[in-house]
């Protein structure tokens, strides 16, 4: 029997020292393990003095990890010792078994650590469902309390730190995540993205040598004030992304070059005779009613009836009859709200007509374009004009021209990675527009700097890009690079980047979705740093 008990103790409490198993009782649902501590003395939690004088004992029933689908309860007999240190304010204390129990704990330490791992990975509701499937049912609030009770992670001072923002509430509240780029582990989360907060955090860690960041002004200011000794490195992906946006705007500005010019006709076509159409089309209910009344009034007047007699017969006012009699044709009566009036859209109609011929048939896109040009009204006016006027016009004959985004993608893609069809289309587009050819040359030159880490060529590239007056978006991009020139040159020279930081930003998004967007900052910070 003693050999069986020793084997059970080794099996159940292999990670815990000085615990003796006295008996094991198995029922249909519960495994009850009776055990006791084998130490003769215990240290007082207040003064640390070790005492062997026993005051009494009682049973504790911490729950343990399940075994073979059954609940495991440890009936642990613990003793209360008398503290013999006269200066200690504590007279008695209860022994704790290291690795098995803690003060006021209702679970063993291994069950508690397992639930904490589940909570850090799955949060409250999903974690409670998994824990119930494992045979350790707890509520979601219990898992969240276990996470929030965890101690703060130890403060570390990394050599290379990555900084980026994350959205606590997209469009409204943003925070800052800091990552050790060398170990690829998150270090801290800050509740906002202010320069003062970042500067204070960096000032507490003077050992930081390199800061990887994007070109946001608040990060640049905070890094400069908080760690003036550190080298700031602008992330290459953000630089390439900004260049892509500038390239797409340049292509869109030259979208007229994307459609090939039609061939001139062999013989000049005769101009069609212009016919004056009625403001009201045939079949319009108001037009037909007005035409019928006009014919009736003029027929009665021609038959010798007076205007008053016509008004009595038709049930119309005398002034209305006089107005109908003065109109030689019904079209002269088409006035008022049904007549085409001057609107704010009239100044933009030639542009809308040209864009329609260019192949842009999206009313929302057309409204966004003229809004940038100063159109003050809403989308509905443009939608009605497209539906009533432009929809009936024939589309230009020929293949649909490529979009500005597609052409920008071709320019940003390495020539060897382009499909044959895309490569031929890009060749045709560049042949029709010298400005886009210049844009492609600048993009490929910048790509060489990014891939070959040749940051020393950047000042020359900026000077050349700013000279392209027909590509204002590219010129503005080069001008913005000059504002953060040292960090950009370092980003195009050093091997460091913010890729690992972007990965943790995506992980934060996943954690927030797990908690349905209701995670407070402290809970989110614990899950990010301790998982």
Protein backbone atom coordinates (compact mmCIF):
# COMPACT_ATOMS: atom_id res chain seq x y z
CA UNK A 1 0.00 0.00 0.00
CA UNK A 2 2.83 2.40 0.80
CA UNK A 3 4.33 1.72 -2.63
CA UNK A 4 0.98 2.55 -4.32
CA UNK A 5 0.69 5.78 -2.35
CA UNK A 6 4.19 6.84 -3.31
CA UNK A 7 3.40 6.16 -6.97
CA UNK A 8 0.19 8.17 -6.73
CA UNK A 9 2.04 11.04 -5.08
CA UNK A 10 4.64 10.99 -7.83
CA UNK A 11 1.93 10.87 -10.50
CA UNK A 12 -0.38 13.55 -9.10
CA UNK A 13 2.11 15.88 -7.41
CA UNK A 14 5.33 15.37 -9.34
CA UNK A 15 5.92 19.12 -9.53
CA UNK A 16 5.13 19.69 -5.83
CA UNK A 17 7.49 18.79 -3.03
CA UNK A 18 6.65 17.49 0.45
CA UNK A 19 3.07 16.33 -0.22
CA UNK A 20 1.92 12.91 1.01
CA UNK A 21 -1.09 11.13 -0.55
CA UNK A 22 -3.08 9.31 2.12
CA UNK A 23 -5.96 7.91 0.08
CA UNK A 24 -7.78 8.15 -3.26
CA UNK A 25 -11.53 7.65 -3.57
CA UNK A 26 -13.15 7.33 -7.01
CA UNK A 27 -16.89 7.74 -7.61
CA UNK A 28 -18.93 8.05 -10.78
CA UNK A 29 -18.14 11.74 -11.23
CA UNK A 30 -15.43 12.77 -8.74
CA UNK A 31 -11.95 11.62 -7.83
CA UNK A 32 -11.20 12.63 -4.21
CA UNK A 33 -7.50 12.72 -3.27
CA UNK A 34 -6.72 13.06 0.43
CA UNK A 35 -3.28 14.53 1.03
CA UNK A 36 -1.29 16.48 3.59
CA UNK A 37 1.89 18.47 3.77
CA UNK A 38 5.00 16.72 5.05
CA UNK A 39 7.02 19.79 6.12
CA UNK A 40 7.64 20.32 9.80
CA UNK A 41 8.02 24.07 9.75
CA UNK A 42 6.53 26.92 7.72
CA UNK A 43 7.52 30.55 7.26
CA UNK A 44 5.32 33.38 8.52
CA UNK A 45 4.08 35.48 5.55
CA UNK A 46 4.63 38.73 7.53
CA UNK A 47 8.00 38.44 9.25
CA UNK A 48 9.40 35.38 7.46
CA UNK A 49 10.26 33.62 10.73
CA UNK A 50 9.95 29.83 10.48
CA UNK A 51 7.79 28.17 13.10
CA UNK A 52 7.06 24.52 13.95
CA UNK A 53 4.48 25.14 16.67
CA UNK A 54 1.12 23.88 15.42
CA UNK A 55 -2.01 25.70 16.52
CA UNK A 56 -4.51 23.47 14.66
CA UNK A 57 -5.44 22.08 11.27
CA UNK A 58 -8.35 21.96 8.83
CA UNK A 59 -9.20 20.67 5.35
CA UNK A 60 -9.03 22.65 2.13
CA UNK A 61 -10.68 21.41 -1.08
CA UNK A 62 -8.94 22.98 -4.09
CA UNK A 63 -10.10 21.70 -7.46
CA UNK A 64 -7.49 20.15 -9.73
CA UNK A 65 -7.26 19.29 -13.41
CA UNK A 66 -9.71 16.53 -14.45
CA UNK A 67 -8.56 12.95 -14.87
CA UNK A 68 -10.21 10.47 -17.26
CA UNK A 69 -13.24 12.73 -17.63
CA UNK A 70 -13.82 12.98 -13.86
CA UNK A 71 -13.56 16.01 -11.59
CA UNK A 72 -10.55 15.89 -9.28
CA UNK A 73 -10.82 17.42 -5.80
CA UNK A 74 -7.85 17.48 -3.44
CA UNK A 75 -8.79 17.17 0.24
CA UNK A 76 -5.65 18.82 1.55
CA UNK A 77 -5.09 18.99 5.31
CA UNK A 78 -3.23 22.16 6.18
CA UNK A 79 -1.99 23.30 9.55
CA UNK A 80 -2.19 26.64 11.30
CA UNK A 81 1.13 27.58 12.94
CA UNK A 82 1.82 29.96 15.79
CA UNK A 83 4.35 32.69 14.99
CA UNK A 84 6.79 32.73 17.88
CA UNK A 85 8.42 36.01 16.83
CA UNK A 86 7.43 38.51 19.53
CA UNK A 87 7.78 41.58 17.29
CA UNK A 88 5.52 40.13 14.56
CA UNK A 89 1.92 41.44 14.59
CA UNK A 90 0.68 38.14 13.19
CA UNK A 91 -0.05 35.57 15.86
CA UNK A 92 -1.08 32.58 13.69
CA UNK A 93 -0.79 31.75 10.00
CA UNK A 94 -1.77 28.91 7.67
CA UNK A 95 0.83 27.03 5.71
CA UNK A 96 0.76 27.22 1.89
CA UNK A 97 2.06 24.41 -0.29
CA UNK A 98 4.26 26.01 -2.99
CA UNK A 99 3.08 25.02 -6.45
CA UNK A 100 -0.23 23.69 -5.18
CA UNK A 101 -2.14 26.32 -3.16
CA UNK A 102 -2.24 30.05 -2.54
CA UNK A 103 -4.06 32.19 -0.03
CA UNK A 104 -7.86 32.12 -0.56
CA UNK A 105 -7.32 29.97 -3.65
CA UNK A 106 -10.08 27.54 -4.63
CA UNK A 107 -8.08 25.89 -7.39
CA UNK A 108 -4.69 24.26 -7.57
CA UNK A 109 -1.92 26.26 -9.16
CA UNK A 110 -1.75 24.05 -12.24
CA UNK A 111 -5.50 24.36 -12.83
CA UNK A 112 -5.23 28.10 -12.35
CA UNK A 113 -2.34 28.38 -14.83
CA UNK A 114 -4.27 26.27 -17.36
CA UNK A 115 -7.33 28.52 -17.10
CA UNK A 116 -5.11 31.58 -17.45
CA UNK A 117 -3.63 30.15 -20.64
CA UNK A 118 -7.12 29.51 -22.00
CA UNK A 119 -8.22 33.04 -21.07
CA UNK A 120 -5.19 34.68 -22.66
CA UNK A 121 -5.76 32.75 -25.88
CA UNK A 122 -9.56 32.92 -26.17
CA UNK A 123 -10.78 35.60 -23.72
CA UNK A 124 -14.02 35.19 -21.78
CA UNK A 125 -16.91 33.63 -23.65
CA UNK A 126 -14.96 31.37 -26.02
CA UNK A 127 -12.53 30.44 -23.24
CA UNK A 128 -15.41 29.42 -20.95
CA UNK A 129 -16.81 27.14 -23.66
CA UNK A 130 -13.44 25.44 -24.20
CA UNK A 131 -12.87 25.08 -20.45
CA UNK A 132 -16.28 23.44 -20.09
CA UNK A 133 -15.41 21.00 -22.89
CA UNK A 134 -12.19 20.11 -21.00
CA UNK A 135 -14.13 19.34 -17.82
CA UNK A 136 -13.23 22.50 -15.87
CA UNK A 137 -16.38 24.64 -16.09
CA UNK A 138 -15.87 28.31 -15.20
CA UNK A 139 -17.68 31.50 -16.10
CA UNK A 140 -16.33 34.00 -18.60
CA UNK A 141 -16.03 36.61 -15.85
CA UNK A 142 -13.80 34.26 -13.86
CA UNK A 143 -11.42 33.93 -16.80
CA UNK A 144 -11.31 37.70 -17.23
CA UNK A 145 -10.62 38.16 -13.50
CA UNK A 146 -7.77 35.66 -13.69
CA UNK A 147 -6.24 37.62 -16.59
CA UNK A 148 -6.54 41.00 -14.88
CA UNK A 149 -5.01 39.57 -11.66
CA UNK A 150 -1.78 38.68 -13.45
CA UNK A 151 1.25 40.77 -12.47
CA UNK A 152 2.74 43.30 -14.86
CA UNK A 153 5.41 41.91 -17.17
CA UNK A 154 8.95 42.88 -16.20
CA UNK A 155 10.18 46.11 -17.75
CA UNK A 156 12.83 45.61 -20.41
CA UNK A 157 14.96 48.02 -22.43
CA UNK A 158 15.30 46.77 -26.00
CA UNK A 159 18.08 47.82 -28.33
CA UNK A 160 15.82 48.04 -31.41
CA UNK A 161 12.20 49.07 -30.83
CA UNK A 162 9.35 49.25 -33.35
CA UNK A 163 6.55 51.81 -32.94
CA UNK A 164 3.15 51.88 -34.63
CA UNK A 165 -0.43 52.84 -33.93
CA UNK A 166 -3.46 50.60 -33.48
CA UNK A 167 -7.15 51.46 -33.35
CA UNK A 168 -9.00 51.03 -30.08
CA UNK A 169 -12.05 52.51 -31.82
CA UNK A 170 -11.44 53.01 -35.52
CA UNK A 171 -11.52 56.63 -36.56
CA UNK A 172 -11.77 57.93 -32.99
CA UNK A 173 -9.40 56.41 -30.42
CA UNK A 174 -5.90 55.18 -31.23
CA UNK A 175 -3.11 53.75 -29.10
CA UNK A 176 0.56 52.90 -29.57
CA UNK A 177 2.16 49.45 -29.63
CA UNK A 178 5.89 49.02 -29.00
CA UNK A 179 7.71 45.85 -30.07
CA UNK A 180 11.21 44.52 -29.53
CA UNK A 181 12.24 44.01 -33.15
CA UNK A 182 15.10 41.64 -32.26
CA UNK A 183 13.04 39.24 -30.12
CA UNK A 184 9.79 39.98 -32.03
CA UNK A 185 7.90 40.31 -28.73
CA UNK A 186 5.56 43.17 -27.73
CA UNK A 187 6.96 45.33 -24.95
CA UNK A 188 4.18 47.72 -24.04
CA UNK A 189 0.90 49.30 -25.12
CA UNK A 190 0.26 53.01 -24.64
CA UNK A 191 -3.29 54.38 -24.31
CA UNK A 192 -2.84 57.07 -26.97
CA UNK A 193 -0.57 58.06 -29.85
CA UNK A 194 0.54 61.44 -28.55
CA UNK A 195 4.15 62.53 -28.92
CA UNK A 196 4.42 63.40 -25.21
CA UNK A 197 3.38 59.89 -24.13
CA UNK A 198 5.88 58.24 -26.45
CA UNK A 199 8.65 60.65 -25.44
CA UNK A 200 8.08 59.92 -21.74
CA UNK A 201 8.18 56.15 -22.36
CA UNK A 202 11.41 56.39 -24.37
CA UNK A 203 13.05 58.70 -21.82
CA UNK A 204 12.69 55.98 -19.16
CA UNK A 205 14.74 53.60 -21.36
CA UNK A 206 17.97 55.32 -22.37
CA UNK A 207 19.45 52.10 -23.78
CA UNK A 208 17.37 52.23 -26.98
CA UNK A 209 19.60 52.58 -30.04
CA UNK A 210 17.26 52.21 -33.06
CA UNK A 211 13.59 53.18 -33.50
CA UNK A 212 11.63 51.74 -36.43
CA UNK A 213 8.53 53.79 -37.24
CA UNK A 214 6.39 55.15 -40.03
CA UNK A 215 6.53 58.81 -41.07
CA UNK A 216 3.75 60.04 -38.78
CA UNK A 217 4.64 63.42 -37.29
CA UNK A 218 3.69 62.50 -33.70
CA UNK A 219 5.98 59.45 -33.74
CA UNK A 220 8.84 61.46 -35.25
CA UNK A 221 8.45 64.22 -32.65
CA UNK A 222 8.13 61.80 -29.73
CA UNK A 223 11.17 59.77 -30.82
CA UNK A 224 13.28 62.91 -31.27
CA UNK A 225 12.42 64.28 -27.82
CA UNK A 226 12.40 60.98 -25.91
CA UNK A 227 15.46 59.28 -27.43
CA UNK A 228 17.68 61.84 -29.17
CA UNK A 229 20.57 59.34 -29.15
CA UNK A 230 18.62 56.71 -31.14
CA UNK A 231 18.72 56.26 -34.91
CA UNK A 232 15.25 56.65 -36.42
CA UNK A 233 14.43 54.31 -39.33
CA UNK A 234 11.44 54.93 -41.60
CA UNK A 235 9.70 51.72 -42.63
CA UNK A 236 10.30 50.75 -46.26
CA UNK A 237 6.84 49.23 -46.77
CA UNK A 238 5.17 52.51 -45.83
CA UNK A 239 7.49 54.37 -48.22
CA UNK A 240 6.58 52.01 -51.05
CA UNK A 241 2.88 52.25 -50.18
CA UNK A 242 3.00 56.06 -50.25
CA UNK A 243 4.80 55.96 -53.59
CA UNK A 244 2.08 53.64 -54.93
CA UNK A 245 -0.64 56.11 -53.91
CA UNK A 246 1.24 58.96 -55.59
CA UNK A 247 1.72 56.87 -58.74
CA UNK A 248 -1.98 56.04 -58.94
CA UNK A 249 -2.87 59.74 -58.68
CA UNK A 250 -0.41 60.54 -61.47
CA UNK A 251 -1.92 57.87 -63.72
CA UNK A 252 -5.41 59.12 -62.95
CA UNK A 253 -4.37 62.64 -63.89
CA UNK A 254 -3.27 61.30 -67.29
CA UNK A 255 -6.25 58.96 -67.73
CA UNK A 256 -6.94 60.49 -71.15
CA UNK A 257 -3.80 58.77 -72.41
CA UNK A 258 -5.15 55.35 -71.46
CA UNK A 259 -7.71 55.31 -74.31
CA UNK A 260 -6.14 55.05 -77.78
CA UNK A 261 -7.02 57.88 -80.19
CA UNK A 262 -9.62 56.85 -82.79
CA UNK A 263 -8.50 56.69 -86.39
CA UNK A 264 -9.63 59.70 -88.52
CA UNK A 265 -12.46 58.88 -90.97
CA UNK A 266 -11.66 58.59 -94.67
CA UNK A 267 -14.46 60.94 -95.75
CA UNK A 268 -15.88 63.78 -93.71
CA UNK A 269 -19.37 63.01 -92.56
CA UNK A 270 -22.11 65.47 -93.17
CA UNK A 271 -23.40 67.18 -90.12
CA UNK A 272 -26.80 66.01 -89.08
CA UNK A 273 -29.50 68.58 -89.22
CA UNK A 274 -30.28 69.93 -85.84
CA UNK A 275 -33.87 69.63 -84.84
CA UNK A 276 -35.41 71.52 -82.04
CA UNK A 277 -36.89 69.07 -79.64
CA UNK A 278 -39.64 69.88 -77.24
CA UNK A 279 -38.69 70.41 -73.58
CA UNK A 280 -41.35 67.76 -72.90
CA UNK A 281 -40.98 64.47 -74.78
CA UNK A 282 -43.85 62.95 -76.68
CA UNK A 283 -45.95 60.82 -74.37
CA UNK A 284 -45.38 62.97 -71.27
CA UNK A 285 -48.74 63.23 -69.51
CA UNK A 286 -48.45 66.97 -68.88
CA UNK A 287 -47.30 67.61 -72.45
CA UNK A 288 -50.18 65.64 -73.99
CA UNK A 289 -52.72 67.32 -71.74
CA UNK A 290 -51.40 70.78 -72.63
CA UNK A 291 -51.38 69.98 -76.34
CA UNK A 292 -54.99 68.71 -76.17
CA UNK A 293 -56.22 71.78 -74.30
CA UNK A 294 -54.37 74.08 -76.70
CA UNK A 295 -56.02 72.42 -79.73
CA UNK A 296 -59.48 72.55 -78.12
CA UNK A 297 -59.21 76.22 -77.15
CA UNK A 298 -58.05 77.27 -80.62
CA UNK A 299 -60.76 75.14 -82.29
CA UNK A 300 -63.53 76.80 -80.22
CA UNK A 301 -62.13 80.25 -80.86
CA UNK A 302 -61.94 79.53 -84.59
CA UNK A 303 -65.61 78.43 -84.48
CA UNK A 304 -66.62 81.92 -83.26
CA UNK A 305 -66.92 81.35 -79.50
CA UNK A 306 -65.86 84.13 -77.22
CA UNK A 307 -63.13 83.62 -74.67
CA UNK A 308 -65.60 83.79 -71.80
CA UNK A 309 -67.78 81.19 -73.51
CA UNK A 310 -64.77 78.91 -74.00
CA UNK A 311 -63.84 79.33 -70.34
CA UNK A 312 -67.39 78.35 -69.24
CA UNK A 313 -67.50 75.34 -71.56
CA UNK A 314 -64.06 73.98 -70.53
CA UNK A 315 -64.31 74.92 -66.86
CA UNK A 316 -61.12 76.95 -67.04
CA UNK A 317 -60.27 80.44 -65.88
CA UNK A 318 -60.42 83.38 -68.26
CA UNK A 319 -56.73 84.20 -67.75
CA UNK A 320 -55.81 80.62 -68.63
CA UNK A 321 -57.90 80.80 -71.84
CA UNK A 322 -56.24 84.08 -72.76
CA UNK A 323 -52.79 82.56 -72.20
CA UNK A 324 -53.68 79.54 -74.39
CA UNK A 325 -55.06 81.85 -77.10
CA UNK A 326 -51.89 83.91 -77.22
CA UNK A 327 -49.67 80.82 -77.65
CA UNK A 328 -49.28 79.94 -81.33
CA UNK A 329 -47.87 76.48 -80.45
CA UNK A 330 -48.20 74.29 -77.35
CA UNK A 331 -44.43 74.45 -76.80
CA UNK A 332 -44.74 78.12 -75.83
CA UNK A 333 -46.71 77.02 -72.77
CA UNK A 334 -43.96 74.71 -71.51
CA UNK A 335 -42.63 77.02 -68.84
CA UNK A 336 -42.17 76.96 -65.08
CA UNK A 337 -40.93 73.98 -63.12
CA UNK A 338 -40.95 71.63 -66.13
CA UNK A 339 -38.68 73.80 -68.21
CA UNK A 340 -34.91 73.19 -68.12
CA UNK A 341 -33.46 75.72 -65.72
CA UNK A 342 -29.87 76.64 -65.04
CA UNK A 343 -28.41 74.52 -62.22
CA UNK A 344 -25.09 74.30 -60.43
CA UNK A 345 -24.38 71.12 -62.32
CA UNK A 346 -24.39 72.85 -65.73
CA UNK A 347 -20.77 74.01 -65.39
CA UNK A 348 -19.67 70.42 -64.80
CA UNK A 349 -21.77 68.70 -67.47
CA UNK A 350 -19.06 68.90 -70.19
CA UNK A 351 -16.64 67.18 -67.81
CA UNK A 352 -19.23 64.51 -66.96
CA UNK A 353 -19.92 63.94 -70.67
CA UNK A 354 -16.20 63.55 -71.39
CA UNK A 355 -15.68 61.15 -68.49
CA UNK A 356 -18.66 59.12 -69.70
CA UNK A 357 -17.04 58.86 -73.10
CA UNK A 358 -13.79 57.84 -71.39
CA UNK A 359 -15.58 54.85 -69.96
CA UNK A 360 -16.36 55.97 -66.39
CA UNK A 361 -20.01 55.00 -65.84
CA UNK A 362 -20.07 55.08 -62.03
CA UNK A 363 -22.21 58.00 -60.84
CA UNK A 364 -20.63 57.99 -57.38
CA UNK A 365 -17.14 58.16 -58.84
CA UNK A 366 -18.18 61.03 -61.13
CA UNK A 367 -19.67 62.90 -58.17
CA UNK A 368 -16.44 62.46 -56.16
CA UNK A 369 -14.41 63.83 -59.08
CA UNK A 370 -16.48 67.00 -59.59
CA UNK A 371 -16.70 67.51 -55.81
CA UNK A 372 -12.92 67.81 -55.77
CA UNK A 373 -13.30 70.46 -58.49
CA UNK A 374 -15.71 72.53 -56.39
CA UNK A 375 -19.19 71.11 -57.04
CA UNK A 376 -21.17 72.07 -53.90
CA UNK A 377 -24.29 69.86 -54.15
CA UNK A 378 -24.90 66.24 -53.30
CA UNK A 379 -24.77 62.96 -55.12
CA UNK A 380 -28.44 62.80 -56.14
CA UNK A 381 -28.16 65.51 -58.82
CA UNK A 382 -25.28 63.67 -60.51
CA UNK A 383 -27.13 60.36 -60.24
CA UNK A 384 -30.25 61.82 -61.88
CA UNK A 385 -28.23 63.41 -64.69
CA UNK A 386 -26.46 60.12 -65.39
CA UNK A 387 -29.70 58.14 -65.33
CA UNK A 388 -31.79 60.52 -67.47
CA UNK A 389 -29.20 61.86 -69.90
CA UNK A 390 -26.04 59.81 -70.08
CA UNK A 391 -27.48 56.30 -69.85
CA UNK A 392 -29.07 56.60 -73.27
CA UNK A 393 -25.90 57.68 -75.02
CA UNK A 394 -23.92 55.02 -76.88
CA UNK A 395 -20.61 53.93 -75.41
CA UNK A 396 -17.49 54.47 -77.50
CA UNK A 397 -16.66 51.63 -79.84
CA UNK A 398 -13.53 49.67 -78.93
CA UNK A 399 -12.03 47.86 -75.96
CA UNK A 400 -12.48 49.32 -72.50
CA UNK A 401 -9.36 51.23 -71.42
CA UNK A 402 -7.47 49.97 -68.35
CA UNK A 403 -8.21 51.67 -65.06
CA UNK A 404 -5.76 54.00 -63.37
CA UNK A 405 -5.31 51.52 -60.52
CA UNK A 406 -4.48 48.70 -62.94
CA UNK A 407 -1.89 50.80 -64.76
CA UNK A 408 -0.37 51.90 -61.43
CA UNK A 409 -0.13 48.24 -60.39
CA UNK A 410 1.67 47.39 -63.64
CA UNK A 411 4.15 50.20 -63.06
CA UNK A 412 4.78 49.14 -59.44
CA UNK A 413 5.28 45.47 -60.37
CA UNK A 414 8.73 44.20 -61.34
CA UNK A 415 8.84 43.76 -65.14
CA UNK A 416 9.90 40.12 -64.79
CA UNK A 417 6.85 39.40 -62.59
CA UNK A 418 4.30 40.90 -65.00
CA UNK A 419 2.11 38.65 -67.08
CA UNK A 420 2.69 38.85 -70.82
CA UNK A 421 -0.71 40.44 -71.50
CA UNK A 422 -0.19 43.08 -68.80
CA UNK A 423 3.32 43.80 -70.03
CA UNK A 424 2.06 44.46 -73.58
CA UNK A 425 -0.75 46.70 -72.31
CA UNK A 426 1.71 48.69 -70.19
CA UNK A 427 3.99 49.09 -73.20
CA UNK A 428 1.08 50.54 -75.24
CA UNK A 429 0.10 52.93 -72.43
CA UNK A 430 3.66 54.22 -71.96
CA UNK A 431 4.02 54.67 -75.72
CA UNK A 432 1.02 57.04 -75.74
CA UNK A 433 2.13 59.15 -72.74
CA UNK A 434 5.72 60.37 -72.14
CA UNK A 435 4.77 61.58 -68.64
CA UNK A 436 3.77 58.07 -67.57
CA UNK A 437 7.06 56.81 -69.01
CA UNK A 438 8.86 59.29 -66.74
CA UNK A 439 6.75 58.08 -63.82
CA UNK A 440 7.67 54.44 -64.51
CA UNK A 441 11.38 55.34 -64.61
CA UNK A 442 11.20 57.09 -61.24
CA UNK A 443 9.24 54.21 -59.68
CA UNK A 444 11.75 51.62 -60.84
CA UNK A 445 14.64 53.74 -59.65
CA UNK A 446 13.02 53.99 -56.20
CA UNK A 447 12.39 50.24 -56.22
CA UNK A 448 16.11 49.63 -56.75
CA UNK A 449 16.89 51.79 -53.71
CA UNK A 450 14.39 49.82 -51.62
CA UNK A 451 15.57 46.35 -52.64
CA UNK A 452 19.30 47.07 -52.82
CA UNK A 453 19.38 49.33 -49.69
CA UNK A 454 20.98 52.21 -51.60
CA UNK A 455 19.74 55.08 -49.48
CA UNK A 456 22.64 57.35 -50.48
CA UNK A 457 20.94 57.82 -53.87
CA UNK A 458 17.81 59.30 -52.32
CA UNK A 459 18.76 63.05 -52.45
CA UNK A 460 19.45 62.78 -56.18
CA UNK A 461 16.16 60.93 -56.72
CA UNK A 462 14.23 63.58 -54.77
CA UNK A 463 15.78 66.37 -56.85
CA UNK A 464 14.83 64.58 -60.06
CA UNK A 465 11.28 63.81 -58.89
CA UNK A 466 10.61 67.39 -57.80
CA UNK A 467 11.53 68.57 -61.29
CA UNK A 468 8.62 66.63 -62.84
CA UNK A 469 6.09 69.46 -63.13
CA UNK A 470 3.61 67.32 -65.07
CA UNK A 471 3.51 64.77 -62.23
CA UNK A 472 2.47 66.89 -59.21
CA UNK A 473 1.65 63.92 -56.97
CA UNK A 474 5.13 62.47 -57.44
CA UNK A 475 6.65 65.89 -56.78
CA UNK A 476 4.65 66.25 -53.54
CA UNK A 477 5.74 62.76 -52.46
CA UNK A 478 9.38 63.74 -52.96
CA UNK A 479 8.80 66.99 -51.07
CA UNK A 480 7.35 65.08 -48.09
CA UNK A 481 10.39 62.79 -48.05
CA UNK A 482 12.61 65.82 -47.53
CA UNK A 483 10.81 66.65 -44.26
CA UNK A 484 11.99 63.34 -42.75
CA UNK A 485 15.10 62.86 -44.87
CA UNK A 486 17.41 61.33 -42.26
CA UNK A 487 14.90 58.65 -41.22
CA UNK A 488 14.06 57.83 -44.84
CA UNK A 489 17.74 57.48 -45.79
CA UNK A 490 18.24 55.22 -42.76
CA UNK A 491 15.21 53.17 -43.79
CA UNK A 492 16.67 52.70 -47.27
CA UNK A 493 20.09 51.81 -45.84
CA UNK A 494 19.55 49.82 -42.62
CA UNK A 495 18.15 46.26 -42.62
CA UNK A 496 15.59 47.09 -39.91
CA UNK A 497 11.89 47.51 -40.69
CA UNK A 498 8.48 47.57 -38.99
CA UNK A 499 7.16 44.31 -40.42
CA UNK A 500 6.99 42.58 -37.05
CA UNK A 501 5.14 45.60 -35.61
CA UNK A 502 2.51 45.40 -38.37
CA UNK A 503 2.06 41.74 -37.50
CA UNK A 504 1.30 42.60 -33.88
CA UNK A 505 -1.14 45.31 -35.00
CA UNK A 506 -3.04 42.64 -36.94
CA UNK A 507 -2.93 40.40 -33.85
CA UNK A 508 -4.44 43.21 -31.76
CA UNK A 509 -7.26 43.50 -34.29
CA UNK A 510 -7.91 39.78 -33.92
CA UNK A 511 -7.97 40.02 -30.11
CA UNK A 512 -10.41 42.93 -30.24
CA UNK A 513 -12.72 40.99 -32.56
CA UNK A 514 -12.55 38.02 -30.18
CA UNK A 515 -13.88 40.23 -27.42
CA UNK A 516 -16.48 41.82 -29.71
CA UNK A 517 -14.83 45.23 -29.42
CA UNK A 518 -15.66 45.52 -25.71
CA UNK A 519 -12.19 44.99 -24.28
CA UNK A 520 -10.91 47.75 -22.05
CA UNK A 521 -7.37 48.98 -22.40
CA UNK A 522 -6.02 47.14 -19.33
CA UNK A 523 -7.49 43.78 -20.34
CA UNK A 524 -6.29 44.20 -23.94
CA UNK A 525 -2.83 45.15 -22.72
CA UNK A 526 -2.58 42.03 -20.53
CA UNK A 527 -3.62 39.75 -23.39
CA UNK A 528 -1.16 41.33 -25.81
CA UNK A 529 1.84 41.34 -23.47
CA UNK A 530 1.34 38.07 -21.57
CA UNK A 531 -0.01 35.66 -24.19
